[in-house]
N, C-alpha and C. Protein backbone atom coordinates (compact mmCIF):
# COMPACT_ATOMS: atom_id res chain seq x y z
N UNK A 1 10.37 10.11 19.04
CA UNK A 1 10.42 9.45 17.81
C UNK A 1 9.66 8.61 18.80
N UNK A 2 8.72 7.53 17.36
CA UNK A 2 7.71 6.76 18.15
C UNK A 2 8.70 5.03 17.71
N UNK A 3 7.72 4.34 17.80
CA UNK A 3 8.40 2.90 17.77
C UNK A 3 8.71 3.06 16.34
N UNK A 4 9.49 1.46 16.30
CA UNK A 4 10.26 1.64 14.97
C UNK A 4 9.22 0.44 13.93
N UNK A 5 7.94 -0.14 15.09
CA UNK A 5 6.85 -0.86 14.26
C UNK A 5 5.54 0.43 13.82
N UNK A 6 5.96 1.99 14.37
CA UNK A 6 4.99 2.58 13.90
C UNK A 6 5.41 3.27 12.53
N UNK A 7 7.00 3.24 12.17
CA UNK A 7 7.39 3.82 11.28
C UNK A 7 6.75 2.93 10.03
N UNK A 8 7.06 1.60 10.64
CA UNK A 8 6.53 0.63 9.39
C UNK A 8 4.93 0.86 9.15
N UNK A 9 4.02 1.20 10.09
CA UNK A 9 2.61 1.32 10.06
C UNK A 9 2.77 2.65 8.94
N UNK A 10 3.78 3.33 9.03
CA UNK A 10 3.58 5.06 8.03
C UNK A 10 3.84 4.69 6.95
N UNK A 11 4.95 3.95 6.79
CA UNK A 11 5.72 3.53 5.64
C UNK A 11 4.35 2.97 4.55
N UNK A 12 3.59 1.76 5.46
CA UNK A 12 2.73 0.62 4.59
C UNK A 12 1.15 1.81 3.98
N UNK A 13 1.33 3.10 5.28
CA UNK A 13 -0.12 3.66 4.83
C UNK A 13 0.20 4.73 3.79
N UNK A 14 1.19 5.08 3.80
CA UNK A 14 1.71 6.00 2.75
C UNK A 14 1.71 5.38 1.25
N UNK A 15 1.72 3.99 1.69
CA UNK A 15 2.08 2.99 0.22
C UNK A 15 0.90 3.03 -0.27
N UNK A 16 -0.13 2.71 0.58
CA UNK A 16 -1.65 2.46 0.38
C UNK A 16 -2.34 3.50 0.08
N UNK A 17 -1.95 4.80 0.31
CA UNK A 17 -2.45 5.83 -0.11
C UNK A 17 -2.03 6.24 -1.49
N UNK A 18 -0.64 5.90 -1.83
CA UNK A 18 -0.06 6.17 -3.35
C UNK A 18 -1.25 5.48 -4.51
N UNK A 19 -0.98 4.16 -3.57
CA UNK A 19 -1.54 2.90 -4.22
C UNK A 19 -1.28 3.02 -6.11
N UNK A 20 -0.31 2.76 -6.13
CA UNK A 20 0.83 2.51 -7.40
C UNK A 20 -0.17 1.53 -8.40
N UNK A 21 -0.54 0.77 -7.53
CA UNK A 21 -1.34 -0.79 -8.65
C UNK A 21 -2.57 0.12 -9.22
N UNK A 22 -3.33 0.45 -8.43
CA UNK A 22 -4.19 1.47 -8.88
C UNK A 22 -4.34 2.35 -10.17
N UNK A 23 -2.90 2.84 -10.19
CA UNK A 23 -2.54 3.23 -11.26
C UNK A 23 -2.18 3.02 -12.64
N UNK A 24 -1.79 1.81 -12.43
CA UNK A 24 -1.36 0.81 -13.43
C UNK A 24 -2.32 0.76 -14.76
N UNK A 25 -3.57 0.40 -14.88
CA UNK A 25 -4.12 0.90 -15.96
C UNK A 25 -4.38 1.96 -16.63
N UNK A 26 -4.40 3.10 -15.82
CA UNK A 26 -4.49 4.42 -16.46
C UNK A 26 -3.07 4.75 -17.02
N UNK A 27 -2.47 3.96 -16.29
CA UNK A 27 -0.95 4.66 -16.92
C UNK A 27 -0.63 3.86 -18.55
N UNK A 28 -0.99 2.50 -18.34
CA UNK A 28 -0.95 1.57 -19.46
C UNK A 28 -1.99 2.43 -20.66
N UNK A 29 -2.99 2.49 -20.17
CA UNK A 29 -3.70 3.07 -21.39
C UNK A 29 -2.55 4.98 -22.22
N UNK A 30 -2.94 5.80 -21.10
CA UNK A 30 -1.69 6.23 -21.66
C UNK A 30 -0.87 6.48 -22.41
N UNK A 31 0.33 5.54 -21.66
CA UNK A 31 1.50 5.83 -22.71
C UNK A 31 1.42 4.53 -23.71
N UNK A 32 0.58 4.04 -23.95
CA UNK A 32 0.08 2.57 -24.76
C UNK A 32 0.97 3.01 -25.69
N UNK A 33 1.00 4.47 -26.50
CA UNK A 33 1.38 5.06 -27.72
C UNK A 33 3.01 5.69 -27.70
N UNK A 34 3.91 5.72 -26.56
CA UNK A 34 4.97 5.90 -26.02
C UNK A 34 5.75 4.66 -26.35
N UNK A 35 7.14 5.44 -27.08
CA UNK A 35 8.39 4.14 -26.74
C UNK A 35 8.64 4.08 -25.29
N UNK A 36 9.43 3.03 -25.77
CA UNK A 36 10.30 2.13 -24.25
C UNK A 36 10.52 3.45 -23.51
N UNK A 37 11.34 4.25 -24.28
CA UNK A 37 12.30 5.24 -23.65
C UNK A 37 11.57 6.38 -23.01
N UNK A 38 10.37 6.15 -23.70
CA UNK A 38 9.76 7.84 -23.18
C UNK A 38 8.73 7.09 -22.05
N UNK A 39 8.43 5.78 -22.18
CA UNK A 39 7.75 5.25 -20.88
C UNK A 39 8.69 5.65 -19.69
N UNK A 40 9.98 4.97 -19.88
CA UNK A 40 10.92 5.07 -18.59
C UNK A 40 11.12 6.69 -18.30
N UNK A 41 11.05 7.73 -19.06
CA UNK A 41 10.95 8.96 -18.74
C UNK A 41 10.24 9.38 -18.32
N UNK A 42 9.39 8.76 -18.34
CA UNK A 42 7.56 9.45 -17.84
C UNK A 42 7.40 8.76 -16.09
N UNK A 43 8.01 7.48 -15.96
CA UNK A 43 8.26 7.02 -15.33
C UNK A 43 8.88 7.69 -14.12
N UNK A 44 10.43 8.00 -14.32
CA UNK A 44 11.48 8.85 -13.61
C UNK A 44 10.62 9.78 -13.29
N UNK A 45 10.17 10.58 -14.30
CA UNK A 45 9.48 11.89 -13.65
C UNK A 45 8.53 11.85 -12.65
N UNK A 46 7.67 10.34 -12.32
CA UNK A 46 6.53 10.45 -11.70
C UNK A 46 7.15 10.06 -10.07
N UNK A 47 8.03 9.64 -10.28
CA UNK A 47 8.92 9.05 -9.06
C UNK A 47 9.38 9.96 -8.40
N UNK A 48 10.30 11.12 -9.07
CA UNK A 48 10.82 12.10 -8.80
C UNK A 48 9.26 13.48 -8.17
N UNK A 49 8.36 13.07 -8.79
CA UNK A 49 7.43 14.12 -8.61
C UNK A 49 6.82 13.76 -7.05
N UNK A 50 6.21 12.86 -7.24
CA UNK A 50 6.09 12.22 -5.86
C UNK A 50 6.59 12.71 -4.69
N UNK A 51 8.27 12.44 -5.17
CA UNK A 51 9.13 12.47 -3.89
C UNK A 51 9.15 13.97 -3.05
N UNK A 52 9.31 14.87 -4.45
CA UNK A 52 9.32 16.04 -4.08
C UNK A 52 7.91 16.54 -3.53
N UNK A 53 6.65 16.30 -4.34
CA UNK A 53 5.90 16.85 -3.26
C UNK A 53 5.39 16.73 -2.16
N UNK A 54 5.94 15.35 -1.53
CA UNK A 54 5.47 14.77 -0.78
C UNK A 54 6.67 15.43 0.91
N UNK A 55 7.57 15.46 -0.14
CA UNK A 55 8.84 16.15 0.88
C UNK A 55 8.69 17.54 1.18
N UNK A 56 8.26 18.07 0.08
CA UNK A 56 7.72 19.69 1.02
C UNK A 56 6.50 19.67 1.80
N UNK A 57 5.64 18.63 1.44
CA UNK A 57 4.59 18.97 2.18
C UNK A 57 5.16 18.25 4.08
N UNK A 58 6.06 17.38 4.17
CA UNK A 58 6.47 17.32 5.37
C UNK A 58 7.16 18.44 6.03
N UNK A 59 8.02 18.83 4.80
CA UNK A 59 8.73 19.95 5.68
C UNK A 59 7.90 21.09 5.93
N UNK A 60 6.93 21.69 5.36
CA UNK A 60 6.13 22.83 5.16
C UNK A 60 4.64 22.86 5.83
N UNK A 61 3.92 21.68 5.88
CA UNK A 61 2.72 21.10 5.69
C UNK A 61 2.16 21.63 6.88
N UNK A 62 3.06 21.67 7.90
CA UNK A 62 2.02 22.26 9.27
C UNK A 62 2.18 23.43 9.70
N UNK A 63 3.20 24.32 8.94
CA UNK A 63 3.23 25.67 9.01
C UNK A 63 2.23 26.36 8.22
N UNK A 64 1.78 25.36 6.86
CA UNK A 64 0.57 26.04 6.28
C UNK A 64 -0.31 26.52 6.86
N UNK A 65 -0.59 25.19 7.70
CA UNK A 65 -1.95 24.80 8.30
C UNK A 65 -2.12 26.21 9.75
N UNK A 66 -0.92 26.57 10.44
CA UNK A 66 -0.44 27.51 10.65
C UNK A 66 -1.25 28.62 10.59
N UNK A 67 -0.53 29.00 9.43
CA UNK A 67 -0.86 30.22 8.28
C UNK A 67 -2.34 30.11 8.10
N UNK A 68 -2.86 29.51 8.00
CA UNK A 68 -4.35 29.73 7.60
C UNK A 68 -5.05 29.35 8.85
N UNK A 69 -4.64 28.94 10.43
CA UNK A 69 -5.15 29.21 11.42
C UNK A 69 -6.56 27.62 11.49
N UNK A 70 -5.74 26.72 10.84
CA UNK A 70 -5.95 25.42 11.26
C UNK A 70 -5.43 24.29 12.42
N UNK A 71 -6.11 24.08 13.13
CA UNK A 71 -6.01 23.18 13.78
C UNK A 71 -5.12 21.79 13.29
N UNK A 72 -4.23 21.39 14.07
CA UNK A 72 -4.26 19.46 13.21
C UNK A 72 -5.07 18.68 13.40
N UNK A 73 -5.85 19.33 14.63
CA UNK A 73 -6.71 18.14 14.76
C UNK A 73 -7.92 18.10 14.16
N UNK A 74 -8.14 19.32 13.56
CA UNK A 74 -9.29 19.28 12.74
C UNK A 74 -8.90 18.90 11.15
N UNK A 75 -8.01 19.15 11.05
CA UNK A 75 -7.25 18.64 9.56
C UNK A 75 -7.13 17.05 9.62
N UNK A 76 -6.83 16.66 10.84
CA UNK A 76 -7.04 14.92 10.77
C UNK A 76 -8.11 14.63 10.40
N UNK A 77 -9.02 15.14 11.47
CA UNK A 77 -10.56 14.76 11.17
C UNK A 77 -10.67 14.89 9.28
N UNK A 78 -10.98 16.31 9.05
CA UNK A 78 -11.01 16.39 7.26
C UNK A 78 -10.29 15.64 7.26
N UNK A 79 -8.92 15.29 7.14
CA UNK A 79 -8.29 14.51 6.00
C UNK A 79 -8.78 13.10 6.28
N UNK A 80 -8.74 12.78 7.61
CA UNK A 80 -9.66 11.07 7.62
C UNK A 80 -11.25 10.97 6.88
N UNK A 81 -11.77 12.06 6.77
CA UNK A 81 -12.87 11.53 5.77
C UNK A 81 -12.84 11.61 4.50
N UNK A 82 -11.44 12.29 3.85
CA UNK A 82 -11.31 12.18 2.47
C UNK A 82 -10.40 10.49 2.23
N UNK A 83 -9.64 10.40 3.29
CA UNK A 83 -8.62 9.27 3.04
C UNK A 83 -10.20 8.12 3.12
N UNK A 84 -10.91 8.37 3.87
CA UNK A 84 -12.52 6.97 3.71
C UNK A 84 -12.95 7.17 2.86
N UNK A 85 -12.93 8.37 1.94
CA UNK A 85 -13.68 8.42 0.70
C UNK A 85 -13.03 7.97 -0.44
N UNK A 86 -11.76 8.09 -0.31
CA UNK A 86 -10.91 7.65 -1.42
C UNK A 86 -10.83 6.15 -1.17
N UNK A 87 -10.69 5.67 0.47
CA UNK A 87 -10.97 3.69 0.38
C UNK A 87 -12.19 3.30 -0.20
N UNK A 88 -13.28 4.23 -0.33
CA UNK A 88 -14.40 3.33 -0.48
C UNK A 88 -14.42 3.34 -2.28
N UNK A 89 -13.88 4.64 -2.78
CA UNK A 89 -13.82 4.82 -4.58
C UNK A 89 -12.95 3.62 -4.32
N UNK A 90 -12.11 3.18 -3.89
CA UNK A 90 -11.20 2.06 -4.54
C UNK A 90 -11.54 0.63 -4.13
N UNK A 91 -12.21 1.00 -3.41
CA UNK A 91 -13.05 -0.72 -3.21
C UNK A 91 -13.95 -0.86 -3.86
N UNK A 92 -14.70 -0.34 -4.44
CA UNK A 92 -15.23 -0.17 -5.71
C UNK A 92 -14.79 0.25 -6.84
N UNK A 93 -13.90 -0.06 -7.31
CA UNK A 93 -13.20 0.00 -8.39
C UNK A 93 -13.30 1.53 -9.13
N UNK A 94 -13.49 2.24 -8.51
CA UNK A 94 -13.81 3.42 -9.28
C UNK A 94 -12.22 4.77 -9.22
N UNK A 95 -11.47 4.39 -8.40
CA UNK A 95 -10.36 4.96 -8.38
C UNK A 95 -9.24 5.15 -9.48
N UNK A 96 -8.89 6.49 -9.44
CA UNK A 96 -8.05 6.48 -10.78
C UNK A 96 -8.51 5.87 -11.84
N UNK A 97 -9.30 6.24 -11.79
CA UNK A 97 -10.17 6.39 -13.79
C UNK A 97 -10.83 7.72 -13.82
N UNK A 98 -11.89 7.61 -15.18
CA UNK A 98 -13.06 8.23 -15.37
C UNK A 98 -12.19 9.31 -15.64
N UNK A 99 -12.69 11.12 -15.46
CA UNK A 99 -12.42 11.90 -15.83
C UNK A 99 -10.70 12.48 -15.78
N UNK A 100 -10.36 11.51 -15.45
CA UNK A 100 -8.28 11.95 -14.69
C UNK A 100 -7.80 11.58 -16.50
N UNK A 101 -8.65 10.57 -17.07
CA UNK A 101 -7.77 9.85 -17.91
C UNK A 101 -8.19 10.81 -19.39
N UNK A 102 -9.42 11.53 -18.92
CA UNK A 102 -9.80 12.37 -20.24
C UNK A 102 -9.22 13.59 -20.28
N UNK A 103 -9.31 14.21 -18.99
CA UNK A 103 -7.91 15.24 -18.50
C UNK A 103 -6.99 14.79 -19.31
N UNK A 104 -5.93 13.83 -18.91
CA UNK A 104 -4.51 13.68 -19.09
C UNK A 104 -4.13 13.35 -20.61
N UNK A 105 -5.06 13.15 -21.54
CA UNK A 105 -5.06 12.91 -23.22
C UNK A 105 -4.78 14.69 -23.63
N UNK A 106 -5.26 15.38 -22.90
CA UNK A 106 -5.19 16.63 -23.59
C UNK A 106 -3.90 17.58 -23.23
N UNK A 107 -3.07 16.58 -22.61
CA UNK A 107 -1.72 17.43 -21.53
C UNK A 107 -0.34 17.05 -22.27
N UNK A 108 0.12 18.14 -22.24
CA UNK A 108 1.63 17.72 -22.94
C UNK A 108 2.52 16.83 -21.90
N UNK A 109 2.51 16.83 -20.57
CA UNK A 109 3.36 16.62 -19.78
C UNK A 109 2.10 15.51 -18.54
N UNK A 110 1.73 14.61 -19.62
CA UNK A 110 1.03 13.67 -18.43
C UNK A 110 1.98 12.85 -17.30
N UNK A 111 2.93 13.21 -17.41
CA UNK A 111 4.09 12.18 -15.99
C UNK A 111 3.45 13.09 -14.80
N UNK A 112 3.55 14.81 -14.98
CA UNK A 112 3.36 15.69 -13.69
C UNK A 112 1.98 15.35 -13.61
N UNK A 113 1.04 15.90 -14.34
CA UNK A 113 -0.29 16.29 -14.41
C UNK A 113 -1.07 15.12 -15.34
N UNK A 114 -1.68 14.44 -15.25
CA UNK A 114 -2.41 14.38 -13.18
C UNK A 114 -1.59 12.91 -13.40
N UNK A 115 -1.00 12.33 -13.44
CA UNK A 115 -0.41 11.24 -13.16
C UNK A 115 0.41 10.87 -11.59
N UNK A 116 1.32 12.26 -11.54
CA UNK A 116 2.28 12.48 -10.34
C UNK A 116 1.00 12.94 -9.63
N UNK A 117 0.53 13.99 -9.77
CA UNK A 117 -0.42 15.01 -8.87
C UNK A 117 -1.63 15.44 -10.04
N UNK A 118 -3.13 14.91 -9.67
CA UNK A 118 -3.05 14.29 -8.08
C UNK A 118 -3.43 13.01 -8.16
N UNK A 119 -3.24 12.25 -9.02
CA UNK A 119 -3.82 10.74 -9.43
C UNK A 119 -2.96 10.07 -8.45
N UNK A 120 -1.70 10.17 -8.38
CA UNK A 120 -0.85 9.15 -7.20
C UNK A 120 -0.43 10.14 -5.70
N UNK A 121 0.02 11.20 -5.83
CA UNK A 121 0.38 11.99 -4.90
C UNK A 121 -0.99 13.25 -4.88
N UNK A 122 -1.59 12.74 -4.50
CA UNK A 122 -3.13 13.62 -4.30
C UNK A 122 -3.52 14.18 -3.04
N UNK A 123 -4.50 14.78 -3.02
CA UNK A 123 -4.86 15.16 -0.96
C UNK A 123 -5.07 14.52 -0.36
N UNK A 124 -5.55 12.84 -0.68
CA UNK A 124 -4.99 12.17 0.44
C UNK A 124 -3.64 11.76 0.95
N UNK A 125 -3.15 12.04 0.19
CA UNK A 125 -1.21 11.48 0.68
C UNK A 125 -0.86 12.69 1.40
N UNK A 126 -0.99 14.01 0.49
CA UNK A 126 -0.58 15.02 1.37
C UNK A 126 -1.01 15.08 2.87
N UNK A 127 -2.38 14.43 3.11
CA UNK A 127 -2.98 15.03 4.32
C UNK A 127 -2.80 13.79 5.42
N UNK A 128 -2.25 12.44 5.24
CA UNK A 128 -1.90 11.64 5.50
C UNK A 128 0.11 12.05 6.04
N UNK A 129 1.09 12.97 5.02
CA UNK A 129 1.87 13.16 5.52
C UNK A 129 2.08 13.95 6.41
N UNK A 130 0.96 15.13 6.61
CA UNK A 130 1.14 16.27 7.26
C UNK A 130 0.54 15.28 8.79
N UNK A 131 -0.30 14.90 8.87
CA UNK A 131 -0.78 14.11 10.05
C UNK A 131 0.36 13.64 10.84
N UNK A 132 0.84 12.54 10.33
CA UNK A 132 1.96 11.49 10.26
C UNK A 132 3.06 12.77 11.08
N UNK A 133 3.46 13.64 10.44
CA UNK A 133 4.90 14.46 10.48
C UNK A 133 4.44 15.18 12.03
N UNK A 134 3.02 15.28 12.47
CA UNK A 134 2.96 16.00 13.43
C UNK A 134 2.89 15.17 14.71
N UNK A 135 2.85 13.61 14.52
CA UNK A 135 3.05 12.97 15.92
C UNK A 135 4.10 13.41 16.81
N UNK A 136 5.63 13.84 15.96
CA UNK A 136 6.34 14.02 16.90
C UNK A 136 7.43 15.55 16.54
N UNK A 137 7.45 15.94 17.82
CA UNK A 137 8.33 17.54 17.18
C UNK A 137 10.14 16.79 17.13
N UNK A 138 10.33 15.70 16.67
CA UNK A 138 12.08 15.29 16.83
C UNK A 138 11.99 15.75 15.16
N UNK A 139 13.28 16.23 15.12
CA UNK A 139 14.12 16.45 13.98
C UNK A 139 14.12 14.55 13.39
N UNK A 140 15.04 13.80 14.24
CA UNK A 140 14.68 12.27 13.74
C UNK A 140 13.43 11.97 13.12
N UNK A 141 12.40 12.33 13.91
CA UNK A 141 11.01 11.51 13.47
C UNK A 141 10.87 12.28 12.32
N UNK A 142 11.12 13.49 11.78
CA UNK A 142 11.08 13.63 10.64
C UNK A 142 11.66 13.59 9.30
N UNK A 143 13.12 12.90 9.83
CA UNK A 143 13.96 12.56 8.91
C UNK A 143 13.20 11.27 8.58
N UNK A 144 13.22 10.24 9.52
CA UNK A 144 12.39 9.20 9.12
C UNK A 144 11.16 9.13 8.29
N UNK A 145 10.32 10.02 8.55
CA UNK A 145 9.37 10.28 7.77
C UNK A 145 9.52 10.84 5.87
N UNK A 146 10.36 11.67 6.19
CA UNK A 146 11.10 11.67 4.82
C UNK A 146 11.45 10.83 4.12
N UNK A 147 12.41 9.68 4.91
CA UNK A 147 12.78 8.12 4.26
C UNK A 147 11.74 7.23 3.99
N UNK A 148 10.62 7.68 4.62
CA UNK A 148 9.49 6.66 4.47
C UNK A 148 8.74 7.01 3.19
N UNK A 149 8.64 8.32 3.11
CA UNK A 149 8.45 8.81 2.05
C UNK A 149 9.23 8.80 0.45
N UNK A 150 10.50 8.71 0.43
CA UNK A 150 11.43 8.18 -0.32
C UNK A 150 11.32 7.05 -1.07
N UNK A 151 11.56 6.07 -0.10
CA UNK A 151 11.31 4.45 -0.35
C UNK A 151 9.46 4.28 -1.21
N UNK A 152 8.95 4.78 -0.28
CA UNK A 152 7.72 4.53 -1.15
C UNK A 152 7.83 5.11 -2.37
N UNK A 153 7.97 6.52 -2.62
CA UNK A 153 8.15 7.05 -4.21
C UNK A 153 9.09 5.98 -5.28
N UNK A 154 9.76 5.82 -4.33
CA UNK A 154 10.80 4.17 -5.20
C UNK A 154 10.35 3.14 -5.51
N UNK A 155 9.29 2.84 -4.55
CA UNK A 155 8.64 1.63 -4.87
C UNK A 155 7.38 1.75 -5.97
N UNK A 156 6.67 2.95 -5.92
CA UNK A 156 6.23 3.50 -6.83
C UNK A 156 6.79 3.57 -8.34
N UNK A 157 7.75 4.31 -8.21
CA UNK A 157 8.42 3.90 -9.45
C UNK A 157 9.24 2.63 -9.91
N UNK A 158 9.25 1.78 -9.25
CA UNK A 158 9.64 0.50 -9.81
C UNK A 158 8.09 -0.47 -10.08
N UNK A 159 7.45 -0.09 -9.63
CA UNK A 159 6.00 -0.56 -10.01
C UNK A 159 5.45 -0.56 -11.45
N UNK A 160 5.43 1.09 -11.63
CA UNK A 160 5.61 1.63 -12.53
C UNK A 160 6.23 0.94 -13.84
N UNK A 161 7.63 1.15 -13.45
CA UNK A 161 8.76 1.02 -14.01
C UNK A 161 8.32 -0.37 -15.15
N UNK A 162 7.56 -1.23 -14.61
CA UNK A 162 7.43 -2.32 -14.74
C UNK A 162 5.58 -2.89 -14.90
N UNK A 163 5.42 -1.80 -15.16
CA UNK A 163 4.08 -1.73 -15.40
C UNK A 163 3.57 -2.55 -16.61
N UNK A 164 4.03 -2.75 -17.69
CA UNK A 164 3.35 -3.97 -18.49
C UNK A 164 3.96 -5.04 -18.45
N UNK A 165 4.96 -5.60 -17.48
CA UNK A 165 5.38 -6.81 -17.08
C UNK A 165 4.07 -7.03 -16.06
N UNK A 166 3.99 -6.29 -15.13
CA UNK A 166 3.05 -6.46 -14.25
C UNK A 166 1.92 -6.70 -14.17
N UNK A 167 1.10 -5.77 -15.63
CA UNK A 167 -0.38 -5.96 -16.23
C UNK A 167 -0.64 -7.32 -16.54
N UNK A 168 0.44 -7.60 -17.54
CA UNK A 168 0.49 -8.81 -18.20
C UNK A 168 0.58 -10.24 -17.41
N UNK A 169 0.97 -9.64 -16.34
CA UNK A 169 1.05 -11.48 -15.58
C UNK A 169 -0.14 -11.55 -14.76
N UNK A 170 -0.77 -10.07 -14.06
CA UNK A 170 -1.75 -10.50 -12.89
C UNK A 170 -2.72 -10.08 -13.43
N UNK A 171 -3.03 -9.58 -14.86
CA UNK A 171 -4.55 -8.66 -15.48
C UNK A 171 -5.29 -7.89 -14.65
N UNK A 172 -6.28 -7.57 -15.76
CA UNK A 172 -7.39 -6.62 -14.85
C UNK A 172 -7.75 -7.05 -13.58
N UNK A 173 -7.96 -8.25 -13.35
CA UNK A 173 -8.73 -9.33 -12.32
C UNK A 173 -7.52 -8.71 -10.87
N UNK A 174 -6.37 -9.06 -11.28
CA UNK A 174 -5.31 -8.78 -10.32
C UNK A 174 -5.15 -7.49 -9.63
N UNK A 175 -5.29 -6.39 -10.58
CA UNK A 175 -5.06 -4.89 -10.33
C UNK A 175 -6.28 -4.64 -9.89
N UNK A 176 -7.57 -5.01 -9.66
CA UNK A 176 -8.43 -4.62 -9.32
C UNK A 176 -8.18 -5.36 -7.60
N UNK A 177 -8.13 -6.39 -7.78
CA UNK A 177 -8.10 -7.21 -6.66
C UNK A 177 -6.89 -6.03 -5.29
N UNK A 178 -5.35 -6.16 -6.36
CA UNK A 178 -4.67 -5.33 -5.21
C UNK A 178 -5.64 -4.02 -4.98
N UNK A 179 -6.09 -2.99 -5.66
CA UNK A 179 -6.06 -2.32 -5.05
C UNK A 179 -7.68 -2.30 -4.29
N UNK A 180 -8.56 -2.90 -4.48
CA UNK A 180 -9.50 -2.99 -3.36
C UNK A 180 -9.15 -3.72 -1.79
N UNK A 181 -7.72 -4.27 -2.11
CA UNK A 181 -7.17 -4.76 -0.73
C UNK A 181 -6.13 -3.26 0.08
N UNK A 182 -5.79 -2.44 -0.80
CA UNK A 182 -5.03 -0.98 -0.80
C UNK A 182 -6.48 -0.40 0.21
N UNK A 183 -7.46 -0.79 0.01
CA UNK A 183 -8.69 0.65 -0.17
C UNK A 183 -9.12 -0.23 1.54
N UNK A 184 -9.32 -1.19 1.52
CA UNK A 184 -9.68 -2.05 2.68
C UNK A 184 -8.71 -1.06 3.93
N UNK A 185 -7.29 -1.90 3.96
CA UNK A 185 -6.21 -1.20 4.53
C UNK A 185 -6.43 0.25 5.20
N UNK A 186 -6.24 1.38 3.61
CA UNK A 186 -6.82 2.46 3.44
C UNK A 186 -7.85 3.00 4.55
N UNK A 187 -9.11 2.26 4.36
CA UNK A 187 -10.50 2.67 5.54
C UNK A 187 -9.87 2.38 6.86
N UNK A 188 -9.40 1.28 7.79
CA UNK A 188 -8.67 0.87 8.32
C UNK A 188 -8.25 2.57 9.40
N UNK A 189 -6.91 2.84 8.20
CA UNK A 189 -6.47 3.95 8.64
C UNK A 189 -6.90 5.37 9.05
N UNK A 190 -8.39 5.09 8.13
CA UNK A 190 -8.99 6.42 8.19
C UNK A 190 -10.14 6.67 9.39
N UNK A 191 -10.35 5.50 9.51
CA UNK A 191 -10.87 5.36 11.35
C UNK A 191 -10.13 6.09 11.87
N UNK A 192 -8.77 5.29 11.83
CA UNK A 192 -7.78 5.67 13.40
C UNK A 192 -7.26 7.21 13.32
N UNK A 193 -7.54 7.78 12.07
CA UNK A 193 -6.92 9.06 12.13
C UNK A 193 -8.39 9.59 12.78
N UNK A 194 -9.61 9.72 12.22
CA UNK A 194 -10.37 10.50 12.73
C UNK A 194 -10.94 10.24 14.00
N UNK A 195 -10.56 8.41 14.76
CA UNK A 195 -10.65 8.50 16.36
C UNK A 195 -9.61 9.77 17.03
N UNK A 196 -8.44 9.86 16.22
CA UNK A 196 -7.06 10.22 17.08
C UNK A 196 -7.92 12.12 17.20
N UNK A 197 -8.08 12.56 15.58
CA UNK A 197 -8.78 13.70 15.48
C UNK A 197 -10.11 14.17 16.38
N UNK A 198 -11.10 13.63 16.50
CA UNK A 198 -12.12 13.54 17.07
C UNK A 198 -11.79 13.88 18.83
N UNK A 199 -10.93 13.22 19.34
CA UNK A 199 -11.04 13.04 20.63
C UNK A 199 -10.08 14.34 20.87
N UNK A 200 -9.20 14.80 20.18
CA UNK A 200 -8.46 16.34 20.16
C UNK A 200 -9.60 17.25 20.20
N UNK A 201 -10.06 17.40 19.40
CA UNK A 201 -11.45 18.45 19.46
C UNK A 201 -12.59 18.32 20.49
N UNK A 202 -13.18 17.33 21.23
CA UNK A 202 -13.70 16.88 21.81
C UNK A 202 -13.47 15.74 22.93
N UNK A 203 -12.54 16.49 23.64
CA UNK A 203 -12.03 15.82 24.67
C UNK A 203 -12.97 15.14 25.32
N UNK A 204 -14.06 15.91 25.85
CA UNK A 204 -15.12 15.22 27.16
C UNK A 204 -15.27 12.96 26.08
N UNK A 205 -15.03 13.05 24.86
CA UNK A 205 -15.18 11.47 24.33
C UNK A 205 -14.37 10.66 24.85
N UNK A 206 -12.95 11.22 25.38
CA UNK A 206 -12.03 10.36 25.82
C UNK A 206 -12.35 9.13 27.09
């Protein structure tokens, strides 16, 4: 197992990459004509979907990498680049907008696609979970990672459930600031992932 401070960091990283604050504007736009009960059902489905997708990733993600012959170090480097690109989009206010909104309006089940996957639990969060699970072979470590996932999904559910109130309280500017702050944090995490992965691939750099 890792130090408890590391698990706090893991939880923070998961919450940053899920970035439920960044999903609020699109969520409010998609559910603008939904009733209060319908919105509650959509939020509940999102929370469950995010928890299920990331928990399955934690349990079998590394096995899938081995099946395809991909090393964890290579995945770390590739995942870090993906995270950095996501962070750059978040800091420029481009995350969770655009094509996803158009795609969502044609879907009967917006709670699962695209709100849950790939908007919230996307490639970046999946990469993050696989990388963190690989930090230790302990079953206790895996259990704590899953707990972090469930807590992050719970907080995502709470934030989206209060979407209308949060949106009215902090406004568009506040949401943009929160998303940019999460993007800044995510960029630092991406650089750390890249550094660890590249040292494993090229030991001479250490």
